[in-house]
Amino acid sequence: MPARAAEVRRRLGSNYFVERAAVTIVTPTKRVGLGGRRDFQPIDATTHLVAGIAAGSRRTAFGPRLQESVAMPQTPHVEKHFTASDSVRDIVIGMADGLTVPFALAAGLSGAVSSSGIIVTAGLAEVAAGAIAMGLGGYLAARTDVEHYHSERVREEREADEMPEQEAEEVADVLRSYGLEADHVEMVVRSICADKQRWVDFMMRFELGLEAPDPKRAGRSAFTIALSYVAGGLVPLAPYFVLKSVHSALLVSVLVTLLALFVFGYVKGRFTTARPFRSAWQTVLVGGIAATAAFIIAKSL
């Protein structure tokens, strides 16, 4: 530590604490008097010193007051929010069905046939058909969201032109529902309604609860759901690729798939809920019930 910093540390009383940190002094040309002495010593602009008030008084061994401004380090406020809910929803839809449906199919066929080849063939056919069907479903759902938003926006724009008083009153009702005082409602309503684009945006979000959807989401949603379905569907079928015995393959498939369901449910819960283990066990329970039901039905036929 430089001599001047050591001298400052020694002279600081109980009212200040000092730590090493790279801090730039605001005005490097000013001089600080130590202990009321007339011979002032300059403080460099890059002195490694942070002085903070530890008790109420600002007076120290420096004399009347610490005359130099020191930039105090502050911890920035960082908010962590998960915003990729649409993508996670697509993965959950595809993976959950992919793990459950082929698993139930393989378990059901294991109770009816004795050839692993038949189960693999039927399973792969189901995975392919399921991935296509789920992907198309995701695409159509996303396109429907876009079309619905567009139609509602056109309606709101028409109502703003044809019945502005009623629409302005609806804006006021929304503001009152959020606790805005009556004295401020009229001023805020005028400000919002002064711009038609902003007015319609407000009504879409706060009256109808609709957010503008991404027009490119339909293709991404279809691809994400289909790929997730394939990834999940191959897990319960994998043992039938390597094991000739249907019974042995079924046992391994059950263990592997239940483990995959648990991990998938836990990861899903980490992103979407505050109780990931509960999500994991719920996912395992749903998959297990589906597979058990399919096995019993196939065995009884």
Foldseek 3Di string as FASTA:
>chain_A
DDPVVVVVCVFFDPQKDKDFDFWFWPDQVDWFAAQPDPDTDTDHRGHRIDIDTPDDDQDTRSPPHGPTDTDDDDDDDDDDADDPVLLLVLLCLQQLCLLFVLLLQLLLVLLADWFLVVSLVVLVVCLVVVLQVSLVVLLVVLVVLQVVLVVVLVVLLVCCVPPVVVLLVVQLVLCVVVPDDPVCSVVVSCVQNVDSVSSSVCCVCRVVVRDNGDPPVSNVSSVSSSVSSNVNNVQLSVLSVPDGGSVVSSVVSLVRSLVVLLVVQLVSCVNPHPDSNVSSVVSSVVSVVSNVVSNVVSNVD
